[in-house]
PDB file of N, CA and C in Angstrom:
ATOM      1  N   MET A   1     141.439 -66.157-182.069  1.00  0.00           N
ATOM      2  CA  MET A   1     140.235 -66.643-181.548  1.00  0.00           C
ATOM      3  C   MET A   1     138.893 -66.000-182.069  1.00  0.00           C
ATOM      4  N   SER A   2     139.162 -64.971-182.800  1.00  0.00           N
ATOM      5  CA  SER A   2     137.978 -64.309-183.496  1.00  0.00           C
ATOM      6  C   SER A   2     137.310 -65.377-184.554  1.00  0.00           C
ATOM      7  N   HIS A   3     137.812 -66.406-184.967  1.00  0.00           N
ATOM      8  CA  HIS A   3     137.250 -67.271-185.800  1.00  0.00           C
ATOM      9  C   HIS A   3     136.279 -68.296-185.078  1.00  0.00           C
ATOM     10  N   LEU A   4     136.294 -68.190-183.817  1.00  0.00           N
ATOM     11  CA  LEU A   4     135.398 -69.173-183.003  1.00  0.00           C
ATOM     12  C   LEU A   4     133.940 -68.482-183.094  1.00  0.00           C
ATOM     13  N   PRO A   5     132.999 -69.356-183.054  1.00  0.00           N
ATOM     14  CA  PRO A   5     131.604 -68.832-183.000  1.00  0.00           C
ATOM     15  C   PRO A   5     131.362 -68.074-181.836  1.00  0.00           C
ATOM     16  N   GLU A   6     130.330 -67.042-181.710  1.00  0.00           N
ATOM     17  CA  GLU A   6     130.146 -66.298-180.679  1.00  0.00           C
ATOM     18  C   GLU A   6     129.822 -67.152-179.262  1.00  0.00           C
ATOM     19  N   LYS A   7     129.143 -68.210-179.458  1.00  0.00           N
ATOM     20  CA  LYS A   7     128.889 -68.942-178.195  1.00  0.00           C
ATOM     21  C   LYS A   7     130.096 -69.575-177.650  1.00  0.00           C
ATOM     22  N   GLU A   8     131.068 -69.938-178.463  1.00  0.00           N
ATOM     23  CA  GLU A   8     132.290 -70.547-177.895  1.00  0.00           C
ATOM     24  C   GLU A   8     133.217 -69.457-177.355  1.00  0.00           C
ATOM     25  N   ARG A   9     133.095 -68.170-177.911  1.00  0.00           N
ATOM     26  CA  ARG A   9     133.835 -67.029-177.364  1.00  0.00           C
ATOM     27  C   ARG A   9     133.225 -66.636-176.061  1.00  0.00           C
ATOM     28  N   ASP A  10     131.938 -66.695-175.960  1.00  0.00           N
ATOM     29  CA  ASP A  10     131.314 -66.341-174.676  1.00  0.00           C
ATOM     30  C   ASP A  10     131.772 -67.260-173.511  1.00  0.00           C
ATOM     31  N   LYS A  11     132.094 -68.539-173.757  1.00  0.00           N
ATOM     32  CA  LYS A  11     132.581 -69.392-172.733  1.00  0.00           C
ATOM     33  C   LYS A  11     133.921 -69.041-172.300  1.00  0.00           C
ATOM     34  N   LEU A  12     134.531 -68.175-172.962  1.00  0.00           N
ATOM     35  CA  LEU A  12     135.887 -67.590-172.510  1.00  0.00           C
ATOM     36  C   LEU A  12     135.689 -66.290-171.784  1.00  0.00           C
ATOM     37  N   CYS A  13     134.634 -65.995-171.437  1.00  0.00           N
ATOM     38  CA  CYS A  13     134.198 -64.797-170.519  1.00  0.00           C
ATOM     39  C   CYS A  13     133.615 -65.135-169.200  1.00  0.00           C
ATOM     40  N   GLY A  14     134.109 -64.273-168.135  1.00  0.00           N
ATOM     41  CA  GLY A  14     133.527 -64.688-166.911  1.00  0.00           C
ATOM     42  C   GLY A  14     134.074 -63.794-165.905  1.00  0.00           C
ATOM     43  N   ILE A  15     134.218 -64.249-164.721  1.00  0.00           N
ATOM     44  CA  ILE A  15     134.782 -63.474-163.493  1.00  0.00           C
ATOM     45  C   ILE A  15     135.949 -64.348-162.981  1.00  0.00           C
ATOM     46  N   ARG A  16     137.132 -63.683-162.864  1.00  0.00           N
ATOM     47  CA  ARG A  16     138.279 -64.212-162.265  1.00  0.00           C
ATOM     48  C   ARG A  16     138.746 -63.417-161.131  1.00  0.00           C
ATOM     49  N   ASP A  17     139.068 -63.998-159.949  1.00  0.00           N
ATOM     50  CA  ASP A  17     139.564 -63.200-158.824  1.00  0.00           C
ATOM     51  C   ASP A  17     138.794 -61.725-158.662  1.00  0.00           C
ATOM     52  N   GLY A  18     137.437 -61.982-158.818  1.00  0.00           N
ATOM     53  CA  GLY A  18     136.434 -60.956-158.471  1.00  0.00           C
ATOM     54  C   GLY A  18     136.317 -59.773-159.555  1.00  0.00           C
ATOM     55  N   HIS A  19     137.085 -60.024-160.667  1.00  0.00           N
ATOM     56  CA  HIS A  19     137.071 -59.158-161.778  1.00  0.00           C
ATOM     57  C   HIS A  19     136.703 -59.750-163.075  1.00  0.00           C
ATOM     58  N   PRO A  20     135.908 -59.034-163.928  1.00  0.00           N
ATOM     59  CA  PRO A  20     135.480 -59.534-165.190  1.00  0.00           C
ATOM     60  C   PRO A  20     136.829 -59.829-166.000  1.00  0.00           C
ATOM     61  N   TYR A  21     136.629 -60.820-166.957  1.00  0.00           N
ATOM     62  CA  TYR A  21     137.694 -61.076-168.024  1.00  0.00           C
ATOM     63  C   TYR A  21     137.003 -61.475-169.270  1.00  0.00           C
ATOM     64  N   SER A  22     137.584 -61.481-170.453  1.00  0.00           N
ATOM     65  CA  SER A  22     137.070 -61.983-171.647  1.00  0.00           C
ATOM     66  C   SER A  22     138.149 -62.360-172.543  1.00  0.00           C
ATOM     67  N   TRP A  23     138.035 -62.929-173.550  1.00  0.00           N
ATOM     68  CA  TRP A  23     138.982 -63.398-174.478  1.00  0.00           C
ATOM     69  C   TRP A  23     139.733 -62.273-175.192  1.00  0.00           C
ATOM     70  N   VAL A  24     139.244 -61.099-175.294  1.00  0.00           N
ATOM     71  CA  VAL A  24     139.686 -59.950-176.075  1.00  0.00           C
ATOM     72  C   VAL A  24     139.964 -58.764-175.097  1.00  0.00           C
ATOM     73  N   ASP A  25     139.254 -58.429-174.022  1.00  0.00           N
ATOM     74  CA  ASP A  25     139.411 -57.409-173.217  1.00  0.00           C
ATOM     75  C   ASP A  25     139.738 -57.725-171.860  1.00  0.00           C
ATOM     76  N   THR A  26     140.831 -57.302-171.335  1.00  0.00           N
ATOM     77  CA  THR A  26     141.320 -57.638-169.941  1.00  0.00           C
ATOM     78  C   THR A  26     141.569 -56.359-169.169  1.00  0.00           C
ATOM     79  N   GLU A  27     141.148 -55.113-169.763  1.00  0.00           N
ATOM     80  CA  GLU A  27     141.550 -53.958-168.848  1.00  0.00           C
ATOM     81  C   GLU A  27     140.650 -53.929-167.649  1.00  0.00           C
ATOM     82  N   LEU A  28     141.234 -53.564-166.548  1.00  0.00           N
ATOM     83  CA  LEU A  28     140.432 -53.548-165.258  1.00  0.00           C
ATOM     84  C   LEU A  28     140.325 -52.028-165.009  1.00  0.00           C
ATOM     85  N   PHE A  29     139.195 -51.807-164.226  1.00  0.00           N
ATOM     86  CA  PHE A  29     138.927 -50.440-163.688  1.00  0.00           C
ATOM     87  C   PHE A  29     139.944 -49.765-162.906  1.00  0.00           C
ATOM     88  N   SER A  30     140.695 -50.626-162.070  1.00  0.00           N
ATOM     89  CA  SER A  30     141.766 -50.081-161.315  1.00  0.00           C
ATOM     90  C   SER A  30     143.052 -49.560-162.179  1.00  0.00           C
ATOM     91  N   ALA A  31     142.980 -49.814-163.486  1.00  0.00           N
ATOM     92  CA  ALA A  31     144.167 -49.334-164.341  1.00  0.00           C
ATOM     93  C   ALA A  31     143.779 -47.840-164.783  1.00  0.00           C
ATOM     94  N   GLN A  32     142.567 -47.476-164.463  1.00  0.00           N
ATOM     95  CA  GLN A  32     142.281 -46.024-164.790  1.00  0.00           C
ATOM     96  C   GLN A  32     142.864 -45.006-163.976  1.00  0.00           C
ATOM     97  N   PRO A  33     143.150 -43.873-164.318  1.00  0.00           N
ATOM     98  CA  PRO A  33     143.698 -42.763-163.310  1.00  0.00           C
ATOM     99  C   PRO A  33     142.640 -42.537-162.243  1.00  0.00           C
ATOM    100  N   PRO A  34     143.059 -42.297-161.055  1.00  0.00           N
ATOM    101  CA  PRO A  34     142.068 -42.056-159.937  1.00  0.00           C
ATOM    102  C   PRO A  34     140.923 -41.062-160.351  1.00  0.00           C
ATOM    103  N   GLU A  35     141.248 -40.042-161.075  1.00  0.00           N
ATOM    104  CA  GLU A  35     140.263 -39.081-161.335  1.00  0.00           C
ATOM    105  C   GLU A  35     139.038 -39.670-162.339  1.00  0.00           C
ATOM    106  N   VAL A  36     139.570 -40.414-163.184  1.00  0.00           N
ATOM    107  CA  VAL A  36     138.496 -41.057-163.968  1.00  0.00           C
ATOM    108  C   VAL A  36     137.760 -42.179-163.224  1.00  0.00           C
ATOM    109  N   GLN A  37     138.498 -42.917-162.306  1.00  0.00           N
ATOM    110  CA  GLN A  37     137.838 -43.844-161.466  1.00  0.00           C
ATOM    111  C   GLN A  37     136.574 -43.153-160.642  1.00  0.00           C
ATOM    112  N   GLU A  38     137.024 -41.909-160.131  1.00  0.00           N
ATOM    113  CA  GLU A  38     136.150 -41.186-159.272  1.00  0.00           C
ATOM    114  C   GLU A  38     134.854 -40.694-160.192  1.00  0.00           C
ATOM    115  N   ARG A  39     135.210 -40.262-161.324  1.00  0.00           N
ATOM    116  CA  ARG A  39     134.017 -39.724-162.206  1.00  0.00           C
ATOM    117  C   ARG A  39     133.247 -40.852-162.568  1.00  0.00           C
ATOM    118  N   VAL A  40     133.640 -41.993-162.827  1.00  0.00           N
ATOM    119  CA  VAL A  40     132.799 -43.101-163.440  1.00  0.00           C
ATOM    120  C   VAL A  40     131.941 -43.710-162.126  1.00  0.00           C
ATOM    121  N   VAL A  41     132.659 -43.823-161.021  1.00  0.00           N
ATOM    122  CA  VAL A  41     131.838 -44.431-159.841  1.00  0.00           C
ATOM    123  C   VAL A  41     130.721 -43.328-159.602  1.00  0.00           C
ATOM    124  N   GLU A  42     131.143 -42.068-159.602  1.00  0.00           N
ATOM    125  CA  GLU A  42     130.037 -40.982-159.323  1.00  0.00           C
ATOM    126  C   GLU A  42     128.790 -41.105-160.373  1.00  0.00           C
ATOM    127  N   TRP A  43     129.144 -41.295-161.609  1.00  0.00           N
ATOM    128  CA  TRP A  43     128.286 -41.324-162.629  1.00  0.00           C
ATOM    129  C   TRP A  43     127.309 -42.705-162.465  1.00  0.00           C
ATOM    130  N   ILE A  44     127.918 -43.747-162.059  1.00  0.00           N
ATOM    131  CA  ILE A  44     127.115 -44.983-161.867  1.00  0.00           C
ATOM    132  C   ILE A  44     126.166 -44.768-160.609  1.00  0.00           C
ATOM    133  N   LYS A  45     126.779 -44.267-159.645  1.00  0.00           N
ATOM    134  CA  LYS A  45     125.941 -44.035-158.459  1.00  0.00           C
ATOM    135  C   LYS A  45     124.678 -43.099-158.610  1.00  0.00           C
ATOM    136  N   ASN A  46     125.129 -42.041-159.357  1.00  0.00           N
ATOM    137  CA  ASN A  46     124.169 -40.927-159.502  1.00  0.00           C
ATOM    138  C   ASN A  46     123.129 -41.089-160.777  1.00  0.00           C
ATOM    139  N   ALA A  47     123.638 -41.704-161.738  1.00  0.00           N
ATOM    140  CA  ALA A  47     122.769 -41.852-162.980  1.00  0.00           C
ATOM    141  C   ALA A  47     121.926 -43.135-163.123  1.00  0.00           C
ATOM    142  N   LEU A  48     122.449 -44.109-162.418  1.00  0.00           N
ATOM    143  CA  LEU A  48     121.781 -45.422-162.790  1.00  0.00           C
ATOM    144  C   LEU A  48     121.113 -45.689-161.438  1.00  0.00           C
ATOM    145  N   VAL A  49     120.029 -46.602-161.558  1.00  0.00           N
ATOM    146  CA  VAL A  49     119.251 -47.075-160.392  1.00  0.00           C
ATOM    147  C   VAL A  49     118.967 -48.563-160.712  1.00  0.00           C
ATOM    148  N   PRO A  50     119.511 -49.418-159.710  1.00  0.00           N
ATOM    149  CA  PRO A  50     119.394 -50.902-160.071  1.00  0.00           C
ATOM    150  C   PRO A  50     118.053 -51.267-159.719  1.00  0.00           C
ATOM    151  N   THR A  51     117.605 -52.388-160.408  1.00  0.00           N
ATOM    152  CA  THR A  51     116.330 -53.208-160.219  1.00  0.00           C
ATOM    153  C   THR A  51     116.522 -54.592-160.100  1.00  0.00           C
ATOM    154  N   LYS A  52     115.656 -55.313-159.474  1.00  0.00           N
ATOM    155  CA  LYS A  52     115.845 -56.623-159.519  1.00  0.00           C
ATOM    156  C   LYS A  52     115.182 -57.353-160.572  1.00  0.00           C
ATOM    157  N   THR A  53     114.288 -56.812-161.341  1.00  0.00           N
ATOM    158  CA  THR A  53     113.717 -57.363-162.486  1.00  0.00           C
ATOM    159  C   THR A  53     114.599 -57.645-163.553  1.00  0.00           C
ATOM    160  N   LYS A  54     114.611 -58.730-164.379  1.00  0.00           N
ATOM    161  CA  LYS A  54     115.580 -59.103-165.367  1.00  0.00           C
ATOM    162  C   LYS A  54     115.004 -58.616-166.693  1.00  0.00           C
ATOM    163  N   ALA A  55     113.775 -58.021-166.614  1.00  0.00           N
ATOM    164  CA  ALA A  55     113.022 -57.758-168.023  1.00  0.00           C
ATOM    165  C   ALA A  55     113.959 -56.398-168.574  1.00  0.00           C
ATOM    166  N   ASN A  56     114.246 -56.586-169.875  1.00  0.00           N
ATOM    167  CA  ASN A  56     114.743 -55.521-170.622  1.00  0.00           C
ATOM    168  C   ASN A  56     116.006 -54.915-169.922  1.00  0.00           C
ATOM    169  N   PRO A  57     117.093 -55.687-169.810  1.00  0.00           N
ATOM    170  CA  PRO A  57     118.338 -55.278-169.250  1.00  0.00           C
ATOM    171  C   PRO A  57     119.058 -54.395-170.317  1.00  0.00           C
ATOM    172  N   ILE A  58     120.046 -53.750-169.915  1.00  0.00           N
ATOM    173  CA  ILE A  58     120.867 -52.989-170.858  1.00  0.00           C
ATOM    174  C   ILE A  58     122.292 -53.484-170.785  1.00  0.00           C
ATOM    175  N   SER A  59     122.848 -53.508-171.967  1.00  0.00           N
ATOM    176  CA  SER A  59     124.288 -54.124-172.172  1.00  0.00           C
ATOM    177  C   SER A  59     125.416 -53.229-171.604  1.00  0.00           C
ATOM    178  N   SER A  60     126.421 -53.688-171.269  1.00  0.00           N
ATOM    179  CA  SER A  60     127.496 -52.946-170.812  1.00  0.00           C
ATOM    180  C   SER A  60     128.153 -52.047-171.781  1.00  0.00           C
ATOM    181  N   ASN A  61     128.008 -52.527-173.065  1.00  0.00           N
ATOM    182  CA  ASN A  61     128.597 -51.630-174.160  1.00  0.00           C
ATOM    183  C   ASN A  61     127.735 -50.560-174.339  1.00  0.00           C
ATOM    184  N   ARG A  62     126.447 -50.542-174.341  1.00  0.00           N
ATOM    185  CA  ARG A  62     125.588 -49.340-174.404  1.00  0.00           C
ATOM    186  C   ARG A  62     125.691 -48.536-173.183  1.00  0.00           C
ATOM    187  N   LEU A  63     125.861 -49.007-172.032  1.00  0.00           N
ATOM    188  CA  LEU A  63     126.096 -48.133-170.854  1.00  0.00           C
ATOM    189  C   LEU A  63     127.416 -47.373-170.979  1.00  0.00           C
ATOM    190  N   LYS A  64     128.380 -48.044-171.499  1.00  0.00           N
ATOM    191  CA  LYS A  64     129.770 -47.474-171.805  1.00  0.00           C
ATOM    192  C   LYS A  64     129.640 -46.277-172.819  1.00  0.00           C
ATOM    193  N   VAL A  65     128.915 -46.457-173.884  1.00  0.00           N
ATOM    194  CA  VAL A  65     128.795 -45.504-174.989  1.00  0.00           C
ATOM    195  C   VAL A  65     128.006 -44.232-174.328  1.00  0.00           C
ATOM    196  N   ILE A  66     126.840 -44.565-173.554  1.00  0.00           N
ATOM    197  CA  ILE A  66     126.185 -43.502-172.857  1.00  0.00           C
ATOM    198  C   ILE A  66     127.008 -42.578-171.893  1.00  0.00           C
ATOM    199  N   MET A  67     127.632 -43.444-171.125  1.00  0.00           N
ATOM    200  CA  MET A  67     128.522 -42.800-169.978  1.00  0.00           C
ATOM    201  C   MET A  67     129.591 -41.983-170.644  1.00  0.00           C
ATOM    202  N   GLU A  68     130.315 -42.414-171.672  1.00  0.00           N
ATOM    203  CA  GLU A  68     131.372 -41.685-172.472  1.00  0.00           C
ATOM    204  C   GLU A  68     130.832 -40.289-173.011  1.00  0.00           C
ATOM    205  N   LYS A  69     129.582 -40.336-173.429  1.00  0.00           N
ATOM    206  CA  LYS A  69     128.981 -39.186-174.030  1.00  0.00           C
ATOM    207  C   LYS A  69     128.714 -38.185-172.860  1.00  0.00           C
ATOM    208  N   GLN A  70     128.238 -38.671-171.674  1.00  0.00           N
ATOM    209  CA  GLN A  70     127.800 -37.820-170.602  1.00  0.00           C
ATOM    210  C   GLN A  70     129.107 -37.312-169.757  1.00  0.00           C
ATOM    211  N   LEU A  71     130.267 -38.184-170.044  1.00  0.00           N
ATOM    212  CA  LEU A  71     131.381 -37.668-169.291  1.00  0.00           C
ATOM    213  C   LEU A  71     132.554 -37.469-170.228  1.00  0.00           C
ATOM    214  N   PRO A  72     132.550 -36.288-170.772  1.00  0.00           N
ATOM    215  CA  PRO A  72     133.607 -36.016-171.743  1.00  0.00           C
ATOM    216  C   PRO A  72     135.080 -36.139-171.206  1.00  0.00           C
ATOM    217  N   GLY A  73     135.801 -36.761-172.094  1.00  0.00           N
ATOM    218  CA  GLY A  73     137.374 -37.052-171.685  1.00  0.00           C
ATOM    219  C   GLY A  73     137.365 -38.308-171.135  1.00  0.00           C
ATOM    220  N   VAL A  74     136.356 -39.086-170.734  1.00  0.00           N
ATOM    221  CA  VAL A  74     136.479 -40.524-170.260  1.00  0.00           C
ATOM    222  C   VAL A  74     136.337 -41.456-171.233  1.00  0.00           C
ATOM    223  N   ASP A  75     137.264 -42.384-171.448  1.00  0.00           N
ATOM    224  CA  ASP A  75     137.233 -43.419-172.521  1.00  0.00           C
ATOM    225  C   ASP A  75     137.805 -44.591-171.901  1.00  0.00           C
ATOM    226  N   ILE A  76     136.919 -45.577-171.449  1.00  0.00           N
ATOM    227  CA  ILE A  76     137.332 -46.767-170.828  1.00  0.00           C
ATOM    228  C   ILE A  76     136.815 -48.061-171.583  1.00  0.00           C
ATOM    229  N   SER A  77     137.428 -49.074-171.423  1.00  0.00           N
ATOM    230  CA  SER A  77     137.117 -50.249-172.095  1.00  0.00           C
ATOM    231  C   SER A  77     135.907 -50.921-171.557  1.00  0.00           C
ATOM    232  N   ASN A  78     135.131 -51.757-172.329  1.00  0.00           N
ATOM    233  CA  ASN A  78     133.922 -52.372-171.991  1.00  0.00           C
ATOM    234  C   ASN A  78     134.225 -53.217-170.672  1.00  0.00           C
ATOM    235  N   ASN A  79     135.333 -53.883-170.474  1.00  0.00           N
ATOM    236  CA  ASN A  79     135.669 -54.662-169.435  1.00  0.00           C
ATOM    237  C   ASN A  79     135.914 -53.825-168.111  1.00  0.00           C
ATOM    238  N   ALA A  80     136.459 -52.660-168.423  1.00  0.00           N
ATOM    239  CA  ALA A  80     136.816 -51.787-167.197  1.00  0.00           C
ATOM    240  C   ALA A  80     135.420 -51.235-166.652  1.00  0.00           C
ATOM    241  N   LEU A  81     134.481 -51.069-167.557  1.00  0.00           N
ATOM    242  CA  LEU A  81     133.087 -50.585-167.042  1.00  0.00           C
ATOM    243  C   LEU A  81     132.428 -51.810-166.333  1.00  0.00           C
ATOM    244  N   LYS A  82     132.467 -52.912-166.980  1.00  0.00           N
ATOM    245  CA  LYS A  82     131.938 -54.159-166.117  1.00  0.00           C
ATOM    246  C   LYS A  82     132.592 -54.219-164.815  1.00  0.00           C
ATOM    247  N   ASP A  83     133.833 -54.029-164.662  1.00  0.00           N
ATOM    248  CA  ASP A  83     134.571 -54.058-163.418  1.00  0.00           C
ATOM    249  C   ASP A  83     133.914 -52.940-162.492  1.00  0.00           C
ATOM    250  N   ALA A  84     133.830 -51.733-163.068  1.00  0.00           N
ATOM    251  CA  ALA A  84     133.206 -50.659-162.143  1.00  0.00           C
ATOM    252  C   ALA A  84     131.877 -50.956-161.752  1.00  0.00           C
ATOM    253  N   MET A  85     131.069 -51.559-162.549  1.00  0.00           N
ATOM    254  CA  MET A  85     129.724 -51.849-162.272  1.00  0.00           C
ATOM    255  C   MET A  85     129.687 -52.822-161.088  1.00  0.00           C
ATOM    256  N   LEU A  86     130.598 -53.830-161.157  1.00  0.00           N
ATOM    257  CA  LEU A  86     130.573 -54.825-159.987  1.00  0.00           C
ATOM    258  C   LEU A  86     130.986 -54.137-158.765  1.00  0.00           C
ATOM    259  N   LEU A  87     132.065 -53.163-158.931  1.00  0.00           N
ATOM    260  CA  LEU A  87     132.453 -52.552-157.685  1.00  0.00           C
ATOM    261  C   LEU A  87     131.395 -51.727-157.041  1.00  0.00           C
ATOM    262  N   CYS A  88     130.473 -51.102-157.927  1.00  0.00           N
ATOM    263  CA  CYS A  88     129.367 -50.397-157.438  1.00  0.00           C
ATOM    264  C   CYS A  88     128.182 -51.230-156.939  1.00  0.00           C
ATOM    265  N   GLY A  89     128.313 -52.517-156.978  1.00  0.00           N
ATOM    266  CA  GLY A  89     127.248 -53.586-156.436  1.00  0.00           C
ATOM    267  C   GLY A  89     126.344 -54.103-157.456  1.00  0.00           C
ATOM    268  N   TYR A  90     126.477 -53.689-158.757  1.00  0.00           N
ATOM    269  CA  TYR A  90     125.593 -54.249-159.886  1.00  0.00           C
ATOM    270  C   TYR A  90     125.997 -55.681-160.185  1.00  0.00           C
ATOM    271  N   GLU A  91     125.026 -56.438-160.388  1.00  0.00           N
ATOM    272  CA  GLU A  91     125.326 -57.988-160.749  1.00  0.00           C
ATOM    273  C   GLU A  91     124.827 -58.158-162.148  1.00  0.00           C
ATOM    274  N   PRO A  92     125.586 -58.731-162.996  1.00  0.00           N
ATOM    275  CA  PRO A  92     125.130 -59.008-164.398  1.00  0.00           C
ATOM    276  C   PRO A  92     124.093 -60.093-164.447  1.00  0.00           C
ATOM    277  N   VAL A  93     123.433 -60.262-165.390  1.00  0.00           N
ATOM    278  CA  VAL A  93     122.370 -61.156-165.613  1.00  0.00           C
ATOM    279  C   VAL A  93     123.200 -62.552-165.899  1.00  0.00           C
ATOM    280  N   THR A  94     124.078 -62.463-166.678  1.00  0.00           N
ATOM    281  CA  THR A  94     125.072 -63.551-166.876  1.00  0.00           C
ATOM    282  C   THR A  94     126.537 -63.102-167.114  1.00  0.00           C
ATOM    283  N   VAL A  95     127.475 -63.734-166.686  1.00  0.00           N
ATOM    284  CA  VAL A  95     128.908 -63.314-166.957  1.00  0.00           C
ATOM    285  C   VAL A  95     129.405 -64.040-168.158  1.00  0.00           C
ATOM    286  N   GLN A  96     128.786 -64.953-168.595  1.00  0.00           N
ATOM    287  CA  GLN A  96     129.375 -65.798-169.764  1.00  0.00           C
ATOM    288  C   GLN A  96     129.052 -65.202-171.111  1.00  0.00           C
ATOM    289  N   GLN A  97     129.149 -63.878-171.208  1.00  0.00           N
ATOM    290  CA  GLN A  97     129.141 -63.311-172.388  1.00  0.00           C
ATOM    291  C   GLN A  97     129.959 -62.020-172.603  1.00  0.00           C
ATOM    292  N   PHE A  98     130.295 -61.628-173.652  1.00  0.00           N
ATOM    293  CA  PHE A  98     131.221 -60.450-173.750  1.00  0.00           C
ATOM    294  C   PHE A  98     130.598 -59.178-173.266  1.00  0.00           C
ATOM    295  N   ASN A  99     129.373 -58.872-173.758  1.00  0.00           N
ATOM    296  CA  ASN A  99     128.579 -57.617-173.315  1.00  0.00           C
ATOM    297  C   ASN A  99     127.699 -58.180-172.168  1.00  0.00           C
ATOM    298  N   TRP A 100     128.001 -57.791-170.996  1.00  0.00           N
ATOM    299  CA  TRP A 100     127.126 -58.198-169.826  1.00  0.00           C
ATOM    300  C   TRP A 100     125.927 -57.298-169.804  1.00  0.00           C
ATOM    301  N   LEU A 101     124.670 -57.923-169.363  1.00  0.00           N
ATOM    302  CA  LEU A 101     123.510 -57.304-169.282  1.00  0.00           C
ATOM    303  C   LEU A 101     123.207 -56.861-167.951  1.00  0.00           C
ATOM    304  N   PHE A 102     122.897 -55.657-167.660  1.00  0.00           N
ATOM    305  CA  PHE A 102     122.592 -55.250-166.257  1.00  0.00           C
ATOM    306  C   PHE A 102     121.138 -54.631-166.185  1.00  0.00           C
ATOM    307  N   CYS A 103     120.575 -54.844-165.008  1.00  0.00           N
ATOM    308  CA  CYS A 103     119.149 -54.481-164.681  1.00  0.00           C
ATOM    309  C   CYS A 103     119.034 -53.233-164.226  1.00  0.00           C
ATOM    310  N   ILE A 104     118.616 -52.268-164.954  1.00  0.00           N
ATOM    311  CA  ILE A 104     118.562 -50.908-164.515  1.00  0.00           C
ATOM    312  C   ILE A 104     117.206 -50.459-164.489  1.00  0.00           C
ATOM    313  N   ASN A 105     116.685 -49.765-163.516  1.00  0.00           N
ATOM    314  CA  ASN A 105     115.399 -49.374-163.404  1.00  0.00           C
ATOM    315  C   ASN A 105     114.817 -48.341-164.682  1.00  0.00           C
ATOM    316  N   ARG A 106     114.085 -48.958-165.489  1.00  0.00           N
ATOM    317  CA  ARG A 106     113.586 -48.213-166.535  1.00  0.00           C
ATOM    318  C   ARG A 106     112.804 -46.800-166.331  1.00  0.00           C
ATOM    319  N   ARG A 107     112.313 -46.623-165.040  1.00  0.00           N
ATOM    320  CA  ARG A 107     111.574 -45.461-164.829  1.00  0.00           C
ATOM    321  C   ARG A 107     112.547 -44.546-164.056  1.00  0.00           C
ATOM    322  N   LYS A 108     113.543 -45.035-163.512  1.00  0.00           N
ATOM    323  CA  LYS A 108     114.346 -44.013-162.543  1.00  0.00           C
ATOM    324  C   LYS A 108     115.733 -44.148-162.982  1.00  0.00           C
ATOM    325  N   ARG A 109     116.087 -43.896-164.214  1.00  0.00           N
ATOM    326  CA  ARG A 109     117.371 -44.122-164.777  1.00  0.00           C
ATOM    327  C   ARG A 109     117.742 -42.897-165.486  1.00  0.00           C
ATOM    328  N   PRO A 110     118.296 -41.875-164.604  1.00  0.00           N
ATOM    329  CA  PRO A 110     118.354 -40.569-165.113  1.00  0.00           C
ATOM    330  C   PRO A 110     119.366 -40.531-166.468  1.00  0.00           C
ATOM    331  N   ALA A 111     120.522 -41.291-166.330  1.00  0.00           N
ATOM    332  CA  ALA A 111     121.322 -41.416-167.401  1.00  0.00           C
ATOM    333  C   ALA A 111     120.889 -41.820-168.786  1.00  0.00           C
ATOM    334  N   LEU A 112     119.916 -42.469-168.666  1.00  0.00           N
ATOM    335  CA  LEU A 112     119.236 -43.271-169.874  1.00  0.00           C
ATOM    336  C   LEU A 112     118.037 -42.471-170.399  1.00  0.00           C
ATOM    337  N   ILE A 113     117.420 -41.471-169.754  1.00  0.00           N
ATOM    338  CA  ILE A 113     116.423 -40.747-170.128  1.00  0.00           C
ATOM    339  C   ILE A 113     116.719 -39.964-171.460  1.00  0.00           C
ATOM    340  N   ALA A 114     117.844 -39.363-171.557  1.00  0.00           N
ATOM    341  CA  ALA A 114     118.285 -38.617-172.642  1.00  0.00           C
ATOM    342  C   ALA A 114     118.205 -39.524-173.891  1.00  0.00           C
ATOM    343  N   THR A 115     118.589 -40.956-173.771  1.00  0.00           N
ATOM    344  CA  THR A 115     118.567 -41.809-174.902  1.00  0.00           C
ATOM    345  C   THR A 115     117.191 -41.997-175.394  1.00  0.00           C
ATOM    346  N   LYS A 116     116.277 -42.072-174.464  1.00  0.00           N
ATOM    347  CA  LYS A 116     114.889 -42.265-174.893  1.00  0.00           C
ATOM    348  C   LYS A 116     114.292 -41.255-175.627  1.00  0.00           C
ATOM    349  N   LYS A 117     114.833 -40.037-175.494  1.00  0.00           N
ATOM    350  CA  LYS A 117     114.473 -38.752-176.048  1.00  0.00           C
ATOM    351  C   LYS A 117     115.282 -38.673-177.372  1.00  0.00           C
ATOM    352  N   GLY A 118     116.103 -39.604-177.772  1.00  0.00           N
ATOM    353  CA  GLY A 118     116.812 -39.544-178.958  1.00  0.00           C
ATOM    354  C   GLY A 118     118.070 -38.620-178.867  1.00  0.00           C
ATOM    355  N   HIS A 119     118.578 -38.408-177.846  1.00  0.00           N
ATOM    356  CA  HIS A 119     119.795 -37.525-177.700  1.00  0.00           C
ATOM    357  C   HIS A 119     121.164 -38.454-178.020  1.00  0.00           C
ATOM    358  N   TYR A 120     121.006 -39.772-177.772  1.00  0.00           N
ATOM    359  CA  TYR A 120     122.047 -40.618-178.059  1.00  0.00           C
ATOM    360  C   TYR A 120     121.807 -41.730-178.993  1.00  0.00           C
TER     361      TYR A 120
END
């Protein structure tokens, strides 16, 4: 399927049975060990602040990279992070793309402040 144009691949992404799926990444958050699940949920709840404005959202892959740098020993798939974000009440801008975009408050986003200062 990698020979399909990006727009066609994105049509193969979405939500099934309340969980994200994509044409290449099907790992769910529930497949993670309980201690990893706990650390990731804690990080999402403590480090991110949701916003309703859709201006300047951040991709699930970027959030995954930042989270993994801030939580040593945690390595989850993009799909598992999207699943965890849903579990924590975050809604993506659209589900029909591989990397979901999430609306995070740009002024109150503790996890992302380090990225602004060039640490990531």
